[in-house]
């Protein structure tokens, strides 16, 4: 077995060939989850399952479910639901006056 110099190394099936693969993108950005996981040819997101109406999640990926469950985002509405529930979901009411013994403040027209 004759050892060749490094400069004359033969082309292999592995490492050197993998460098020639990255010219075309198989996945692009998903409109639902925003990740680069939407398969262009399949037309399906590998992360969230878009365009399926149900979000993709599996029991074997418990950590993945935890990362995107309720409470990990803004919760713009749900954040205030617990407080509004305690107060009976009251809306469009005049605040009770503390000064006049709990009676609503009289409004003059």
PDB file of N, CA and C in Angstrom:
ATOM      1  N   UNK A   1       0.852  -1.191   0.000  1.00  0.00           N
ATOM      2  CA  UNK A   1       0.000   0.000   0.000  1.00  0.00           C
ATOM      3  C   UNK A   1       0.883   1.234   0.000  1.00  0.00           C
ATOM      4  N   UNK A   2       0.729   2.045  -1.028  1.00  0.00           N
ATOM      5  CA  UNK A   2       1.523   3.267  -1.154  1.00  0.00           C
ATOM      6  C   UNK A   2       0.701   4.438  -0.650  1.00  0.00           C
ATOM      7  N   UNK A   3       1.282   5.181   0.270  1.00  0.00           N
ATOM      8  CA  UNK A   3       0.572   6.339   0.831  1.00  0.00           C
ATOM      9  C   UNK A   3       0.784   7.543  -0.065  1.00  0.00           C
ATOM     10  N   UNK A   4      -0.351   8.160  -0.508  1.00  0.00           N
ATOM     11  CA  UNK A   4      -0.266   9.330  -1.381  1.00  0.00           C
ATOM     12  C   UNK A   4      -0.078  10.600  -0.568  1.00  0.00           C
ATOM     13  N   UNK A   5       0.537  11.612  -1.170  1.00  0.00           N
ATOM     14  CA  UNK A   5       0.601  12.915  -0.487  1.00  0.00           C
ATOM     15  C   UNK A   5      -0.796  13.498  -0.340  1.00  0.00           C
ATOM     16  N   UNK A   6      -0.965  14.400   0.619  1.00  0.00           N
ATOM     17  CA  UNK A   6      -2.286  14.966   0.927  1.00  0.00           C
ATOM     18  C   UNK A   6      -2.877  15.693  -0.279  1.00  0.00           C
ATOM     19  N   UNK A   7      -2.064  16.352  -1.072  1.00  0.00           N
ATOM     20  CA  UNK A   7      -2.557  17.125  -2.217  1.00  0.00           C
ATOM     21  C   UNK A   7      -3.157  16.231  -3.298  1.00  0.00           C
ATOM     22  N   UNK A   8      -2.757  14.974  -3.347  1.00  0.00           N
ATOM     23  CA  UNK A   8      -3.271  14.061  -4.368  1.00  0.00           C
ATOM     24  C   UNK A   8      -4.401  13.180  -3.822  1.00  0.00           C
ATOM     25  N   UNK A   9      -5.060  13.630  -2.755  1.00  0.00           N
ATOM     26  CA  UNK A   9      -6.111  12.821  -2.133  1.00  0.00           C
ATOM     27  C   UNK A   9      -7.241  12.559  -3.126  1.00  0.00           C
ATOM     28  N   UNK A  10      -7.725  11.339  -3.118  1.00  0.00           N
ATOM     29  CA  UNK A  10      -8.793  10.928  -4.024  1.00  0.00           C
ATOM     30  C   UNK A  10     -10.137  11.492  -3.559  1.00  0.00           C
ATOM     31  N   UNK A  11     -11.021  11.834  -4.488  1.00  0.00           N
ATOM     32  CA  UNK A  11     -12.356  12.324  -4.148  1.00  0.00           C
ATOM     33  C   UNK A  11     -13.133  11.205  -3.473  1.00  0.00           C
ATOM     34  N   UNK A  12     -13.791  11.535  -2.367  1.00  0.00           N
ATOM     35  CA  UNK A  12     -14.514  10.505  -1.610  1.00  0.00           C
ATOM     36  C   UNK A  12     -16.018  10.736  -1.684  1.00  0.00           C
ATOM     37  N   UNK A  13     -16.762   9.762  -1.181  1.00  0.00           N
ATOM     38  CA  UNK A  13     -18.218   9.866  -1.168  1.00  0.00           C
ATOM     39  C   UNK A  13     -18.711  10.722  -0.011  1.00  0.00           C
ATOM     40  N   UNK A  14     -17.856  10.929   0.997  1.00  0.00           N
ATOM     41  CA  UNK A  14     -18.285  11.552   2.235  1.00  0.00           C
ATOM     42  C   UNK A  14     -18.073  13.043   2.323  1.00  0.00           C
ATOM     43  N   UNK A  15     -17.192  13.453   3.224  1.00  0.00           N
ATOM     44  CA  UNK A  15     -17.030  14.847   3.633  1.00  0.00           C
ATOM     45  C   UNK A  15     -16.913  15.822   2.467  1.00  0.00           C
ATOM     46  N   UNK A  16     -16.061  15.531   1.520  1.00  0.00           N
ATOM     47  CA  UNK A  16     -15.831  16.475   0.420  1.00  0.00           C
ATOM     48  C   UNK A  16     -17.065  16.634  -0.462  1.00  0.00           C
ATOM     49  N   UNK A  17     -17.828  15.552  -0.617  1.00  0.00           N
ATOM     50  CA  UNK A  17     -19.028  15.615  -1.455  1.00  0.00           C
ATOM     51  C   UNK A  17     -20.150  16.400  -0.801  1.00  0.00           C
ATOM     52  N   UNK A  18     -20.199  16.398   0.547  1.00  0.00           N
ATOM     53  CA  UNK A  18     -21.278  17.069   1.256  1.00  0.00           C
ATOM     54  C   UNK A  18     -21.223  18.582   1.070  1.00  0.00           C
ATOM     55  N   UNK A  19     -20.055  19.103   0.748  1.00  0.00           N
ATOM     56  CA  UNK A  19     -19.919  20.541   0.536  1.00  0.00           C
ATOM     57  C   UNK A  19     -20.631  21.017  -0.710  1.00  0.00           C
ATOM     58  N   UNK A  20     -20.906  20.131  -1.630  1.00  0.00           N
ATOM     59  CA  UNK A  20     -21.542  20.502  -2.896  1.00  0.00           C
ATOM     60  C   UNK A  20     -23.074  20.456  -2.826  1.00  0.00           C
ATOM     61  N   UNK A  21     -23.615  20.228  -1.623  1.00  0.00           N
ATOM     62  CA  UNK A  21     -25.056  20.014  -1.497  1.00  0.00           C
ATOM     63  C   UNK A  21     -25.868  21.279  -1.243  1.00  0.00           C
ATOM     64  N   UNK A  22     -25.290  22.323  -0.697  1.00  0.00           N
ATOM     65  CA  UNK A  22     -26.072  23.435  -0.171  1.00  0.00           C
ATOM     66  C   UNK A  22     -26.496  24.515  -1.141  1.00  0.00           C
ATOM     67  N   UNK A  23     -26.684  24.204  -2.404  1.00  0.00           N
ATOM     68  CA  UNK A  23     -27.008  25.246  -3.384  1.00  0.00           C
ATOM     69  C   UNK A  23     -28.503  25.530  -3.480  1.00  0.00           C
ATOM     70  N   UNK A  24     -29.311  24.499  -3.246  1.00  0.00           N
ATOM     71  CA  UNK A  24     -30.759  24.708  -3.315  1.00  0.00           C
ATOM     72  C   UNK A  24     -31.363  24.431  -1.941  1.00  0.00           C
ATOM     73  N   UNK A  25     -32.428  25.163  -1.619  1.00  0.00           N
ATOM     74  CA  UNK A  25     -33.060  25.004  -0.310  1.00  0.00           C
ATOM     75  C   UNK A  25     -34.274  24.089  -0.421  1.00  0.00           C
ATOM     76  N   UNK A  26     -34.304  23.050   0.407  1.00  0.00           N
ATOM     77  CA  UNK A  26     -35.474  22.168   0.421  1.00  0.00           C
ATOM     78  C   UNK A  26     -36.536  22.734   1.352  1.00  0.00           C
ATOM     79  N   UNK A  27     -36.107  23.478   2.387  1.00  0.00           N
ATOM     80  CA  UNK A  27     -37.035  24.068   3.347  1.00  0.00           C
ATOM     81  C   UNK A  27     -36.956  25.595   3.307  1.00  0.00           C
ATOM     82  N   UNK A  28     -38.113  26.223   3.443  1.00  0.00           N
ATOM     83  CA  UNK A  28     -38.185  27.682   3.500  1.00  0.00           C
ATOM     84  C   UNK A  28     -38.990  28.085   4.728  1.00  0.00           C
ATOM     85  N   UNK A  29     -39.192  29.388   4.946  1.00  0.00           N
ATOM     86  CA  UNK A  29     -39.882  29.858   6.149  1.00  0.00           C
ATOM     87  C   UNK A  29     -41.362  29.473   6.136  1.00  0.00           C
ATOM     88  N   UNK A  30     -41.856  29.058   7.290  1.00  0.00           N
ATOM     89  CA  UNK A  30     -43.267  28.683   7.444  1.00  0.00           C
ATOM     90  C   UNK A  30     -44.061  29.914   7.851  1.00  0.00           C
ATOM     91  N   UNK A  31     -45.229  30.097   7.256  1.00  0.00           N
ATOM     92  CA  UNK A  31     -46.049  31.273   7.554  1.00  0.00           C
ATOM     93  C   UNK A  31     -46.719  31.165   8.921  1.00  0.00           C
ATOM     94  N   UNK A  32     -46.910  29.948   9.445  1.00  0.00           N
ATOM     95  CA  UNK A  32     -47.574  29.790  10.742  1.00  0.00           C
ATOM     96  C   UNK A  32     -46.601  29.881  11.911  1.00  0.00           C
ATOM     97  N   UNK A  33     -45.521  29.087  11.880  1.00  0.00           N
ATOM     98  CA  UNK A  33     -44.617  29.059  13.042  1.00  0.00           C
ATOM     99  C   UNK A  33     -43.360  29.897  12.845  1.00  0.00           C
ATOM    100  N   UNK A  34     -43.070  30.290  11.605  1.00  0.00           N
ATOM    101  CA  UNK A  34     -41.931  31.162  11.348  1.00  0.00           C
ATOM    102  C   UNK A  34     -40.593  30.453  11.260  1.00  0.00           C
ATOM    103  N   UNK A  35     -40.570  29.148  11.424  1.00  0.00           N
ATOM    104  CA  UNK A  35     -39.311  28.403  11.360  1.00  0.00           C
ATOM    105  C   UNK A  35     -38.968  28.033   9.931  1.00  0.00           C
ATOM    106  N   UNK A  36     -37.702  27.764   9.660  1.00  0.00           N
ATOM    107  CA  UNK A  36     -37.273  27.373   8.313  1.00  0.00           C
ATOM    108  C   UNK A  36     -37.476  25.869   8.174  1.00  0.00           C
ATOM    109  N   UNK A  37     -38.735  25.463   8.193  1.00  0.00           N
ATOM    110  CA  UNK A  37     -39.061  24.042   8.207  1.00  0.00           C
ATOM    111  C   UNK A  37     -40.150  23.681   7.200  1.00  0.00           C
ATOM    112  N   UNK A  38     -40.576  24.651   6.380  1.00  0.00           N
ATOM    113  CA  UNK A  38     -41.634  24.378   5.397  1.00  0.00           C
ATOM    114  C   UNK A  38     -41.006  23.752   4.166  1.00  0.00           C
ATOM    115  N   UNK A  39     -41.337  22.492   3.898  1.00  0.00           N
ATOM    116  CA  UNK A  39     -40.771  21.761   2.766  1.00  0.00           C
ATOM    117  C   UNK A  39     -41.419  22.258   1.483  1.00  0.00           C
ATOM    118  N   UNK A  40     -40.599  22.793   0.578  1.00  0.00           N
ATOM    119  CA  UNK A  40     -41.127  23.443  -0.626  1.00  0.00           C
ATOM    120  C   UNK A  40     -41.877  22.456  -1.523  1.00  0.00           C
ATOM    121  N   UNK A  41     -41.320  21.268  -1.755  1.00  0.00           N
ATOM    122  CA  UNK A  41     -41.956  20.316  -2.661  1.00  0.00           C
ATOM    123  C   UNK A  41     -43.165  19.641  -2.019  1.00  0.00           C
ATOM    124  N   UNK A  42     -43.046  19.259  -0.765  1.00  0.00           N
ATOM    125  CA  UNK A  42     -44.168  18.624  -0.067  1.00  0.00           C
ATOM    126  C   UNK A  42     -45.271  19.617   0.228  1.00  0.00           C
ATOM    127  N   UNK A  43     -44.878  20.887   0.465  1.00  0.00           N
ATOM    128  CA  UNK A  43     -45.856  21.903   0.846  1.00  0.00           C
ATOM    129  C   UNK A  43     -46.357  21.693   2.258  1.00  0.00           C
ATOM    130  N   UNK A  44     -45.465  21.212   3.128  1.00  0.00           N
ATOM    131  CA  UNK A  44     -45.858  20.920   4.512  1.00  0.00           C
ATOM    132  C   UNK A  44     -44.720  21.310   5.450  1.00  0.00           C
ATOM    133  N   UNK A  45     -45.071  21.877   6.598  1.00  0.00           N
ATOM    134  CA  UNK A  45     -44.065  22.291   7.564  1.00  0.00           C
ATOM    135  C   UNK A  45     -43.657  21.098   8.422  1.00  0.00           C
ATOM    136  N   UNK A  46     -42.353  20.903   8.583  1.00  0.00           N
ATOM    137  CA  UNK A  46     -41.839  19.793   9.374  1.00  0.00           C
ATOM    138  C   UNK A  46     -41.951  20.066  10.865  1.00  0.00           C
ATOM    139  N   UNK A  47     -42.150  21.333  11.238  1.00  0.00           N
ATOM    140  CA  UNK A  47     -42.216  21.693  12.646  1.00  0.00           C
ATOM    141  C   UNK A  47     -43.649  21.717  13.170  1.00  0.00           C
ATOM    142  N   UNK A  48     -44.529  22.477  12.484  1.00  0.00           N
ATOM    143  CA  UNK A  48     -45.892  22.644  13.011  1.00  0.00           C
ATOM    144  C   UNK A  48     -46.957  21.897  12.215  1.00  0.00           C
ATOM    145  N   UNK A  49     -46.603  21.381  11.036  1.00  0.00           N
ATOM    146  CA  UNK A  49     -47.552  20.608  10.242  1.00  0.00           C
ATOM    147  C   UNK A  49     -48.421  21.434   9.321  1.00  0.00           C
ATOM    148  N   UNK A  50     -48.158  22.747   9.212  1.00  0.00           N
ATOM    149  CA  UNK A  50     -48.933  23.613   8.323  1.00  0.00           C
ATOM    150  C   UNK A  50     -48.902  23.040   6.917  1.00  0.00           C
ATOM    151  N   UNK A  51     -49.984  22.989   6.156  1.00  0.00           N
ATOM    152  CA  UNK A  51     -51.274  23.642   6.262  1.00  0.00           C
ATOM    153  C   UNK A  51     -52.349  22.846   7.007  1.00  0.00           C
ATOM    154  N   UNK A  52     -51.986  21.792   7.716  1.00  0.00           N
ATOM    155  CA  UNK A  52     -52.958  21.052   8.518  1.00  0.00           C
ATOM    156  C   UNK A  52     -53.514  21.965   9.603  1.00  0.00           C
ATOM    157  N   UNK A  53     -54.833  21.834   9.897  1.00  0.00           N
ATOM    158  CA  UNK A  53     -55.394  22.747  10.889  1.00  0.00           C
ATOM    159  C   UNK A  53     -54.935  22.419  12.292  1.00  0.00           C
ATOM    160  N   UNK A  54     -54.548  21.159  12.532  1.00  0.00           N
ATOM    161  CA  UNK A  54     -54.069  20.775  13.866  1.00  0.00           C
ATOM    162  C   UNK A  54     -52.562  20.958  13.941  1.00  0.00           C
ATOM    163  N   UNK A  55     -52.093  21.493  15.066  1.00  0.00           N
ATOM    164  CA  UNK A  55     -50.670  21.706  15.262  1.00  0.00           C
ATOM    165  C   UNK A  55     -49.968  20.364  15.449  1.00  0.00           C
ATOM    166  N   UNK A  56     -48.841  20.187  14.767  1.00  0.00           N
ATOM    167  CA  UNK A  56     -48.101  18.928  14.831  1.00  0.00           C
ATOM    168  C   UNK A  56     -47.417  18.810  16.188  1.00  0.00           C
ATOM    169  N   UNK A  57     -47.713  17.739  16.934  1.00  0.00           N
ATOM    170  CA  UNK A  57     -47.025  17.442  18.187  1.00  0.00           C
ATOM    171  C   UNK A  57     -47.129  15.953  18.467  1.00  0.00           C
ATOM    172  N   UNK A  58     -46.076  15.416  19.061  1.00  0.00           N
ATOM    173  CA  UNK A  58     -46.022  13.989  19.362  1.00  0.00           C
ATOM    174  C   UNK A  58     -45.622  13.786  20.811  1.00  0.00           C
ATOM    175  N   UNK A  59     -46.068  12.673  21.385  1.00  0.00           N
ATOM    176  CA  UNK A  59     -45.762  12.370  22.774  1.00  0.00           C
ATOM    177  C   UNK A  59     -44.281  12.133  23.022  1.00  0.00           C
ATOM    178  N   UNK A  60     -43.552  11.672  21.962  1.00  0.00           N
ATOM    179  CA  UNK A  60     -42.120  11.413  22.140  1.00  0.00           C
ATOM    180  C   UNK A  60     -41.319  12.706  22.170  1.00  0.00           C
ATOM    181  N   UNK A  61     -41.979  13.842  21.881  1.00  0.00           N
ATOM    182  CA  UNK A  61     -41.282  15.124  21.917  1.00  0.00           C
ATOM    183  C   UNK A  61     -41.863  16.012  22.999  1.00  0.00           C
ATOM    184  N   UNK A  62     -41.784  15.571  24.243  1.00  0.00           N
ATOM    185  CA  UNK A  62     -42.397  16.322  25.341  1.00  0.00           C
ATOM    186  C   UNK A  62     -41.761  17.704  25.519  1.00  0.00           C
ATOM    187  N   UNK A  63     -40.450  17.785  25.334  1.00  0.00           N
ATOM    188  CA  UNK A  63     -39.759  19.070  25.472  1.00  0.00           C
ATOM    189  C   UNK A  63     -40.206  20.036  24.382  1.00  0.00           C
ATOM    190  N   UNK A  64     -40.395  19.527  23.183  1.00  0.00           N
ATOM    191  CA  UNK A  64     -40.820  20.363  22.059  1.00  0.00           C
ATOM    192  C   UNK A  64     -42.212  20.935  22.316  1.00  0.00           C
ATOM    193  N   UNK A  65     -43.090  20.131  22.923  1.00  0.00           N
ATOM    194  CA  UNK A  65     -44.443  20.589  23.263  1.00  0.00           C
ATOM    195  C   UNK A  65     -44.353  21.703  24.306  1.00  0.00           C
ATOM    196  N   UNK A  66     -43.472  21.496  25.301  1.00  0.00           N
ATOM    197  CA  UNK A  66     -43.287  22.475  26.370  1.00  0.00           C
ATOM    198  C   UNK A  66     -42.799  23.820  25.840  1.00  0.00           C
ATOM    199  N   UNK A  67     -41.981  23.779  24.795  1.00  0.00           N
ATOM    200  CA  UNK A  67     -41.412  25.009  24.254  1.00  0.00           C
ATOM    201  C   UNK A  67     -42.463  25.903  23.612  1.00  0.00           C
ATOM    202  N   UNK A  68     -43.518  25.288  23.074  1.00  0.00           N
ATOM    203  CA  UNK A  68     -44.494  26.107  22.351  1.00  0.00           C
ATOM    204  C   UNK A  68     -45.918  26.012  22.885  1.00  0.00           C
ATOM    205  N   UNK A  69     -46.060  25.680  24.171  1.00  0.00           N
ATOM    206  CA  UNK A  69     -47.377  25.561  24.771  1.00  0.00           C
ATOM    207  C   UNK A  69     -47.879  26.917  25.266  1.00  0.00           C
ATOM    208  N   UNK A  70     -49.091  26.951  25.799  1.00  0.00           N
ATOM    209  CA  UNK A  70     -49.667  28.180  26.328  1.00  0.00           C
ATOM    210  C   UNK A  70     -48.808  28.714  27.462  1.00  0.00           C
ATOM    211  N   UNK A  71     -48.514  29.997  27.420  1.00  0.00           N
ATOM    212  CA  UNK A  71     -47.701  30.602  28.462  1.00  0.00           C
ATOM    213  C   UNK A  71     -46.297  30.928  28.003  1.00  0.00           C
ATOM    214  N   UNK A  72     -45.918  30.481  26.786  1.00  0.00           N
ATOM    215  CA  UNK A  72     -44.580  30.764  26.291  1.00  0.00           C
ATOM    216  C   UNK A  72     -44.562  32.000  25.394  1.00  0.00           C
ATOM    217  N   UNK A  73     -45.756  32.495  25.074  1.00  0.00           N
ATOM    218  CA  UNK A  73     -45.838  33.681  24.223  1.00  0.00           C
ATOM    219  C   UNK A  73     -46.373  34.883  24.989  1.00  0.00           C
ATOM    220  N   UNK A  74     -47.025  35.800  24.284  1.00  0.00           N
ATOM    221  CA  UNK A  74     -47.525  37.033  24.903  1.00  0.00           C
ATOM    222  C   UNK A  74     -48.735  36.807  25.785  1.00  0.00           C
ATOM    223  N   UNK A  75     -49.635  35.911  25.349  1.00  0.00           N
ATOM    224  CA  UNK A  75     -50.916  35.668  26.037  1.00  0.00           C
ATOM    225  C   UNK A  75     -51.675  36.976  26.223  1.00  0.00           C
ATOM    226  N   UNK A  76     -51.815  37.756  25.149  1.00  0.00           N
ATOM    227  CA  UNK A  76     -52.403  39.091  25.223  1.00  0.00           C
ATOM    228  C   UNK A  76     -53.772  39.083  25.905  1.00  0.00           C
ATOM    229  N   UNK A  77     -54.615  38.105  25.589  1.00  0.00           N
ATOM    230  CA  UNK A  77     -55.947  38.043  26.190  1.00  0.00           C
ATOM    231  C   UNK A  77     -55.951  37.193  27.455  1.00  0.00           C
ATOM    232  N   UNK A  78     -55.352  36.009  27.385  1.00  0.00           N
ATOM    233  CA  UNK A  78     -55.449  35.038  28.475  1.00  0.00           C
ATOM    234  C   UNK A  78     -54.796  35.519  29.770  1.00  0.00           C
ATOM    235  N   UNK A  79     -53.850  36.456  29.644  1.00  0.00           N
ATOM    236  CA  UNK A  79     -53.155  36.991  30.803  1.00  0.00           C
ATOM    237  C   UNK A  79     -54.124  37.654  31.785  1.00  0.00           C
ATOM    238  N   UNK A  80     -55.168  38.287  31.250  1.00  0.00           N
ATOM    239  CA  UNK A  80     -56.090  39.040  32.108  1.00  0.00           C
ATOM    240  C   UNK A  80     -57.349  38.251  32.487  1.00  0.00           C
ATOM    241  N   UNK A  81     -57.514  37.039  31.970  1.00  0.00           N
ATOM    242  CA  UNK A  81     -58.751  36.280  32.189  1.00  0.00           C
ATOM    243  C   UNK A  81     -58.942  35.911  33.660  1.00  0.00           C
ATOM    244  N   UNK A  82     -57.883  35.483  34.357  1.00  0.00           N
ATOM    245  CA  UNK A  82     -57.999  35.073  35.763  1.00  0.00           C
ATOM    246  C   UNK A  82     -58.494  36.229  36.632  1.00  0.00           C
ATOM    247  N   UNK A  83     -57.958  37.420  36.405  1.00  0.00           N
ATOM    248  CA  UNK A  83     -58.361  38.593  37.184  1.00  0.00           C
ATOM    249  C   UNK A  83     -59.808  38.984  36.870  1.00  0.00           C
ATOM    250  N   UNK A  84     -60.175  38.958  35.596  1.00  0.00           N
ATOM    251  CA  UNK A  84     -61.545  39.319  35.212  1.00  0.00           C
ATOM    252  C   UNK A  84     -62.554  38.294  35.712  1.00  0.00           C
ATOM    253  N   UNK A  85     -62.145  37.023  35.809  1.00  0.00           N
ATOM    254  CA  UNK A  85     -63.021  35.973  36.323  1.00  0.00           C
ATOM    255  C   UNK A  85     -63.356  36.235  37.795  1.00  0.00           C
ATOM    256  N   UNK A  86     -62.345  36.621  38.579  1.00  0.00           N
ATOM    257  CA  UNK A  86     -62.568  36.908  40.000  1.00  0.00           C
ATOM    258  C   UNK A  86     -63.577  38.036  40.191  1.00  0.00           C
ATOM    259  N   UNK A  87     -63.625  38.964  39.247  1.00  0.00           N
ATOM    260  CA  UNK A  87     -64.531  40.108  39.345  1.00  0.00           C
ATOM    261  C   UNK A  87     -65.824  39.911  38.552  1.00  0.00           C
ATOM    262  N   UNK A  88     -66.063  38.700  38.112  1.00  0.00           N
ATOM    263  CA  UNK A  88     -67.321  38.379  37.442  1.00  0.00           C
ATOM    264  C   UNK A  88     -67.447  38.914  36.031  1.00  0.00           C
ATOM    265  N   UNK A  89     -66.330  39.131  35.338  1.00  0.00           N
ATOM    266  CA  UNK A  89     -66.312  39.613  33.958  1.00  0.00           C
ATOM    267  C   UNK A  89     -67.149  40.875  33.768  1.00  0.00           C
ATOM    268  N   UNK A  90     -67.068  41.805  34.724  1.00  0.00           N
ATOM    269  CA  UNK A  90     -67.850  43.038  34.625  1.00  0.00           C
ATOM    270  C   UNK A  90     -67.215  43.969  33.596  1.00  0.00           C
ATOM    271  N   UNK A  91     -68.080  44.615  32.824  1.00  0.00           N
ATOM    272  CA  UNK A  91     -67.627  45.554  31.797  1.00  0.00           C
ATOM    273  C   UNK A  91     -68.610  46.709  31.693  1.00  0.00           C
ATOM    274  N   UNK A  92     -68.139  47.843  31.212  1.00  0.00           N
ATOM    275  CA  UNK A  92     -68.962  49.041  30.971  1.00  0.00           C
ATOM    276  C   UNK A  92     -69.748  49.460  32.217  1.00  0.00           C
ATOM    277  N   UNK A  93     -69.069  49.488  33.376  1.00  0.00           N
ATOM    278  CA  UNK A  93     -69.716  49.901  34.621  1.00  0.00           C
ATOM    279  C   UNK A  93     -68.936  51.044  35.244  1.00  0.00           C
ATOM    280  N   UNK A  94     -69.620  51.803  36.068  1.00  0.00           N
ATOM    281  CA  UNK A  94     -68.962  52.879  36.807  1.00  0.00           C
ATOM    282  C   UNK A  94     -68.305  52.278  38.055  1.00  0.00           C
ATOM    283  N   UNK A  95     -67.084  52.664  38.311  1.00  0.00           N
ATOM    284  CA  UNK A  95     -66.387  52.161  39.483  1.00  0.00           C
ATOM    285  C   UNK A  95     -67.091  52.633  40.742  1.00  0.00           C
ATOM    286  N   UNK A  96     -67.164  51.758  41.755  1.00  0.00           N
ATOM    287  CA  UNK A  96     -67.841  52.099  43.005  1.00  0.00           C
ATOM    288  C   UNK A  96     -66.997  53.096  43.785  1.00  0.00           C
ATOM    289  N   UNK A  97     -67.637  54.143  44.280  1.00  0.00           N
ATOM    290  CA  UNK A  97     -66.933  55.182  45.015  1.00  0.00           C
ATOM    291  C   UNK A  97     -66.635  54.721  46.435  1.00  0.00           C
ATOM    292  N   UNK A  98     -65.389  54.823  46.833  1.00  0.00           N
ATOM    293  CA  UNK A  98     -64.995  54.462  48.192  1.00  0.00           C
ATOM    294  C   UNK A  98     -65.414  55.572  49.154  1.00  0.00           C
ATOM    295  N   UNK A  99     -65.398  56.811  48.643  1.00  0.00           N
ATOM    296  CA  UNK A  99     -65.687  58.002  49.458  1.00  0.00           C
ATOM    297  C   UNK A  99     -67.136  58.014  49.957  1.00  0.00           C
ATOM    298  N   UNK A 100     -68.094  57.587  49.122  1.00  0.00           N
ATOM    299  CA  UNK A 100     -69.512  57.664  49.472  1.00  0.00           C
ATOM    300  C   UNK A 100     -70.094  56.306  49.893  1.00  0.00           C
ATOM    301  N   UNK A 101     -69.330  55.555  50.627  1.00  0.00           N
ATOM    302  CA  UNK A 101     -69.835  54.313  51.236  1.00  0.00           C
ATOM    303  C   UNK A 101     -70.263  53.248  50.248  1.00  0.00           C
ATOM    304  N   UNK A 102     -69.532  53.070  49.138  1.00  0.00           N
ATOM    305  CA  UNK A 102     -69.816  51.991  48.215  1.00  0.00           C
ATOM    306  C   UNK A 102     -70.885  52.303  47.191  1.00  0.00           C
ATOM    307  N   UNK A 103     -71.485  53.485  47.225  1.00  0.00           N
ATOM    308  CA  UNK A 103     -72.488  53.843  46.217  1.00  0.00           C
ATOM    309  C   UNK A 103     -71.780  54.323  44.952  1.00  0.00           C
ATOM    310  N   UNK A 104     -72.395  54.043  43.812  1.00  0.00           N
ATOM    311  CA  UNK A 104     -71.809  54.483  42.557  1.00  0.00           C
ATOM    312  C   UNK A 104     -71.839  55.989  42.460  1.00  0.00           C
ATOM    313  N   UNK A 105     -70.809  56.537  41.873  1.00  0.00           N
ATOM    314  CA  UNK A 105     -70.727  57.987  41.751  1.00  0.00           C
ATOM    315  C   UNK A 105     -71.836  58.480  40.843  1.00  0.00           C
ATOM    316  N   UNK A 106     -72.582  59.479  41.314  1.00  0.00           N
ATOM    317  CA  UNK A 106     -73.704  60.024  40.530  1.00  0.00           C
ATOM    318  C   UNK A 106     -73.154  60.875  39.398  1.00  0.00           C
ATOM    319  N   UNK A 107     -73.705  60.629  38.216  1.00  0.00           N
ATOM    320  CA  UNK A 107     -73.262  61.423  37.068  1.00  0.00           C
ATOM    321  C   UNK A 107     -74.348  62.411  36.701  1.00  0.00           C
ATOM    322  N   UNK A 108     -73.956  63.671  36.573  1.00  0.00           N
ATOM    323  CA  UNK A 108     -74.918  64.715  36.193  1.00  0.00           C
ATOM    324  C   UNK A 108     -74.890  64.906  34.693  1.00  0.00           C
ATOM    325  N   UNK A 109     -76.085  64.963  34.096  1.00  0.00           N
ATOM    326  CA  UNK A 109     -76.163  65.075  32.651  1.00  0.00           C
ATOM    327  C   UNK A 109     -76.329  66.512  32.203  1.00  0.00           C
TER     328      UNK A 109
END
